[in-house]
Amino acid sequence: MMGNCHVRFLGGKGAVMPLTYPVFEKEIMSKKALIAVVVAAMFIAVTYYYFSGKEYVVRMSESDIREKLDKKLPLTKSYFFIIQITLQNPRILLENGTKRVNAGLDVLLNIKIDKNPKPLGGSVDVSGGVRYLAEKGEFYLTDPVIESLGVQGIPDKYMQKVNKALTKALAKYYDENPIYTLNLGDGKQAVARMVLKDVVVENKELVVTLGI
């Protein structure tokens, strides 16, 4: 009984080439992929079983958060073609018993009035909650609310635009710069970073509880 074959004619002579079966290679690759998925699922199940009900607590001091936020400052942005805002010198104030972070920044405003720049200096104080990005193990100040604006000399007709510009600048700054990042090289933190369970200020520290 003869098997299948390909015949290639070279120089008038027939060269017999055996058939290959790439389908076998695909089956092997599929089996390997399936095994990898099963192993990963087993690892996740075992990890969940082991850490279920357990907690990992991270404590952040005011200086820890301030140093983290200061790394990307000063930051200058322009808004509405007439307002330039520079943020610098971050401040952090943690009040016991709250779930919010009180923060502040020095602000430099440069407002074009009748095409002439008018530089103004002062400060802004905000408060915000804590957002957790599990994929990166990062914590952010979220939904900042302006509590006070200490900049003198802003013309009344520009006050609304200045508030809008400041709100945008602060939201963007805090949204892009984490106040704390977990150590991904720490096995406990790498697992516990999956879920944020609680946030509260205790003993002038931001206490974050993680777990599964």
Protein backbone atom coordinates (compact mmCIF):
# COMPACT_ATOMS: atom_id res chain seq x y z
CA MET A 1 0.00 0.00 0.00
CA MET A 2 1.44 3.30 -1.05
CA GLY A 3 1.30 6.47 1.12
CA ASN A 4 0.62 9.99 -0.05
CA CYS A 5 3.52 12.01 -1.39
CA HIS A 6 4.37 15.21 -3.22
CA VAL A 7 6.35 14.99 -6.45
CA ARG A 8 8.58 17.88 -7.43
CA PHE A 9 10.15 17.80 -10.93
CA LEU A 10 13.71 19.07 -11.04
CA GLY A 11 15.71 18.79 -14.25
CA GLY A 12 13.31 16.27 -15.66
CA LYS A 13 13.67 13.93 -12.71
CA GLY A 14 11.05 13.39 -10.05
CA ALA A 15 12.08 14.08 -6.45
CA VAL A 16 9.77 12.44 -3.97
CA MET A 17 9.07 14.56 -0.87
CA PRO A 18 7.14 13.12 2.11
CA LEU A 19 4.11 15.04 3.36
CA THR A 20 4.48 17.09 6.55
CA TYR A 21 1.69 17.40 9.07
CA PRO A 22 1.63 20.92 10.56
CA VAL A 23 -1.64 20.01 12.24
CA PHE A 24 0.35 17.90 14.72
CA GLU A 25 2.41 20.97 15.69
CA LYS A 26 -0.76 22.98 16.24
CA GLU A 27 -2.16 20.26 18.49
CA ILE A 28 1.07 20.24 20.55
CA MET A 29 0.98 24.03 20.90
CA SER A 30 -2.68 23.91 21.93
CA LYS A 31 -1.93 21.31 24.59
CA LYS A 32 0.94 23.41 25.95
CA ALA A 33 -1.30 26.49 26.10
CA LEU A 34 -4.01 24.49 27.87
CA ILE A 35 -1.51 23.20 30.42
CA ALA A 36 -0.25 26.75 31.06
CA VAL A 37 -3.83 27.97 31.65
CA VAL A 38 -4.57 25.10 34.03
CA VAL A 39 -1.35 25.73 35.99
CA ALA A 40 -2.12 29.46 36.23
CA ALA A 41 -5.67 28.74 37.39
CA MET A 42 -4.40 26.32 40.04
CA PHE A 43 -1.89 28.92 41.27
CA ILE A 44 -4.59 31.57 41.56
CA ALA A 45 -6.90 29.15 43.38
CA VAL A 46 -4.19 28.11 45.85
CA THR A 47 -3.15 31.73 46.40
CA TYR A 48 -6.73 32.79 47.01
CA TYR A 49 -7.29 29.92 49.43
CA TYR A 50 -4.13 30.74 51.36
CA PHE A 51 -4.64 34.49 51.60
CA SER A 52 -8.44 34.52 51.84
CA GLY A 53 -9.49 36.37 54.98
CA LYS A 54 -5.98 37.67 55.60
CA GLU A 55 -5.04 41.33 55.44
CA TYR A 56 -1.99 43.39 54.61
CA VAL A 57 -1.71 46.89 56.08
CA VAL A 58 0.27 49.72 54.50
CA ARG A 59 0.99 52.87 56.51
CA MET A 60 1.92 56.14 54.81
CA SER A 61 3.16 59.16 56.71
CA GLU A 62 2.65 62.76 55.66
CA SER A 63 6.30 62.99 54.63
CA ASP A 64 6.04 59.76 52.56
CA ILE A 65 3.15 61.16 50.54
CA ARG A 66 4.68 64.63 50.23
CA GLU A 67 7.99 63.27 48.91
CA LYS A 68 6.15 61.09 46.38
CA LEU A 69 4.08 64.02 45.06
CA ASP A 70 7.05 66.38 44.94
CA LYS A 71 8.87 64.26 42.34
CA LYS A 72 6.90 65.70 39.39
CA LEU A 73 6.89 69.33 40.52
CA PRO A 74 6.98 72.12 39.58
CA LEU A 75 4.33 71.60 36.91
CA THR A 76 3.16 74.34 34.53
CA LYS A 77 0.02 74.20 32.37
CA SER A 78 -1.94 76.76 30.33
CA TYR A 79 -5.74 77.04 30.16
CA PHE A 80 -8.23 79.08 28.12
CA PHE A 81 -5.28 80.76 26.31
CA ILE A 82 -5.04 83.40 29.05
CA ILE A 83 -4.23 81.54 32.28
CA GLN A 84 -0.96 79.83 33.09
CA ILE A 85 -0.75 77.81 36.30
CA THR A 86 2.38 76.51 38.03
CA LEU A 87 2.02 74.03 40.90
CA GLN A 88 4.84 73.45 43.37
CA ASN A 89 5.76 72.70 47.01
CA PRO A 90 3.13 70.08 47.96
CA ARG A 91 1.69 69.91 51.48
CA ILE A 92 -0.09 67.02 53.20
CA LEU A 93 -2.20 67.14 56.34
CA LEU A 94 -3.69 63.91 57.69
CA GLU A 95 -6.53 64.23 60.22
CA ASN A 96 -7.25 61.24 62.43
CA GLY A 97 -10.53 59.41 61.88
CA THR A 98 -11.12 60.57 58.32
CA LYS A 99 -10.97 58.70 55.03
CA ARG A 100 -9.80 61.75 53.10
CA VAL A 101 -6.45 63.38 52.54
CA ASN A 102 -5.97 67.11 53.02
CA ALA A 103 -3.41 68.44 50.57
CA GLY A 104 -2.13 71.77 49.37
CA LEU A 105 0.18 73.37 46.84
CA ASP A 106 1.82 76.70 46.22
CA VAL A 107 0.37 78.27 43.09
CA LEU A 108 1.78 80.75 40.60
CA LEU A 109 -0.81 82.31 38.29
CA ASN A 110 -0.06 84.25 35.18
CA ILE A 111 -3.20 85.85 33.75
CA LYS A 112 -3.18 87.79 30.47
CA ILE A 113 -5.20 90.96 31.03
CA ASP A 114 -5.56 93.08 27.92
CA LYS A 115 -2.71 91.01 26.45
CA ASN A 116 -0.46 91.94 29.36
CA PRO A 117 0.58 89.14 31.75
CA LYS A 118 -0.26 89.64 35.41
CA PRO A 119 1.73 87.28 37.67
CA LEU A 120 0.11 86.34 40.97
CA GLY A 121 1.26 84.03 43.74
CA GLY A 122 -0.49 82.18 46.53
CA SER A 123 -1.65 78.76 47.62
CA VAL A 124 -4.50 76.31 47.20
CA ASP A 125 -5.80 73.77 49.71
CA VAL A 126 -7.74 70.69 48.60
CA SER A 127 -9.15 67.48 50.03
CA GLY A 128 -9.68 64.20 48.26
CA GLY A 129 -10.40 60.51 48.63
CA VAL A 130 -8.08 57.64 47.81
CA ARG A 131 -8.27 55.69 44.56
CA TYR A 132 -6.53 52.34 44.13
CA LEU A 133 -5.21 51.04 40.81
CA ALA A 134 -4.74 47.32 41.44
CA GLU A 135 -3.00 46.59 38.12
CA LYS A 136 -0.04 48.75 39.11
CA GLY A 137 -0.36 48.61 42.88
CA GLU A 138 -0.70 52.41 43.03
CA PHE A 139 -2.73 54.76 45.21
CA TYR A 140 -3.96 58.14 44.01
CA LEU A 141 -5.68 61.15 45.50
CA THR A 142 -9.03 61.30 43.73
CA ASP A 143 -11.81 63.85 43.20
CA PRO A 144 -9.89 66.78 44.72
CA VAL A 145 -12.14 69.54 46.04
CA ILE A 146 -10.76 73.07 46.42
CA GLU A 147 -11.25 74.02 50.07
CA SER A 148 -9.53 77.41 49.93
CA LEU A 149 -7.69 79.57 47.43
CA GLY A 150 -5.23 82.08 48.81
CA VAL A 151 -4.30 84.12 45.75
CA GLN A 152 -4.82 87.86 46.01
CA GLY A 153 -5.41 90.23 43.11
CA ILE A 154 -7.47 88.03 40.79
CA PRO A 155 -9.92 90.30 38.89
CA ASP A 156 -13.53 89.34 39.59
CA LYS A 157 -14.30 88.70 35.93
CA TYR A 158 -11.52 86.09 35.78
CA MET A 159 -12.32 84.33 39.06
CA GLN A 160 -14.65 81.72 37.54
CA LYS A 161 -12.12 80.80 34.85
CA VAL A 162 -9.31 80.64 37.40
CA ASN A 163 -11.34 78.22 39.54
CA LYS A 164 -12.10 76.04 36.53
CA ALA A 165 -8.47 76.08 35.42
CA LEU A 166 -7.23 75.22 38.91
CA THR A 167 -9.75 72.38 39.23
CA LYS A 168 -8.54 70.91 35.93
CA ALA A 169 -4.88 71.35 36.82
CA LEU A 170 -5.27 69.73 40.24
CA ALA A 171 -7.40 66.85 38.96
CA LYS A 172 -4.88 66.07 36.23
CA TYR A 173 -1.90 66.33 38.56
CA TYR A 174 -3.33 64.06 41.26
CA ASP A 175 -4.77 61.66 38.67
CA GLU A 176 -1.36 61.09 37.06
CA ASN A 177 0.89 61.05 40.14
CA PRO A 178 0.42 58.32 42.75
CA ILE A 179 0.80 59.10 46.45
CA TYR A 180 2.17 55.60 47.08
CA THR A 181 3.25 52.53 45.10
CA LEU A 182 3.42 48.99 46.42
CA ASN A 183 6.70 47.13 46.23
CA LEU A 184 6.03 44.58 43.49
CA GLY A 185 9.12 42.65 44.55
CA ASP A 186 7.47 41.89 47.89
CA GLY A 187 5.48 38.66 47.54
CA LYS A 188 2.92 39.65 50.18
CA GLN A 189 2.30 43.04 48.61
CA ALA A 190 2.13 41.53 45.12
CA VAL A 191 -0.72 39.27 46.20
CA ALA A 192 -2.47 41.62 48.61
CA ARG A 193 -2.56 44.42 46.04
CA MET A 194 -5.51 42.75 44.36
CA VAL A 195 -8.19 44.31 46.59
CA LEU A 196 -8.49 47.53 48.60
CA LYS A 197 -10.55 46.87 51.74
CA ASP A 198 -10.32 50.04 53.82
CA VAL A 199 -8.71 53.48 54.09
CA VAL A 200 -8.53 55.56 57.27
CA VAL A 201 -6.22 58.06 58.95
CA GLU A 202 -4.79 56.87 62.28
CA ASN A 203 -2.01 58.47 64.34
CA LYS A 204 -1.37 61.00 61.57
CA GLU A 205 -0.79 58.18 59.07
CA LEU A 206 -2.83 57.07 56.09
CA VAL A 207 -3.62 53.42 56.86
CA VAL A 208 -4.57 51.28 53.87
CA THR A 209 -5.84 47.74 54.37
CA LEU A 210 -5.43 45.28 51.50
CA GLY A 211 -6.55 41.69 51.14
CA ILE A 212 -8.53 39.15 49.18
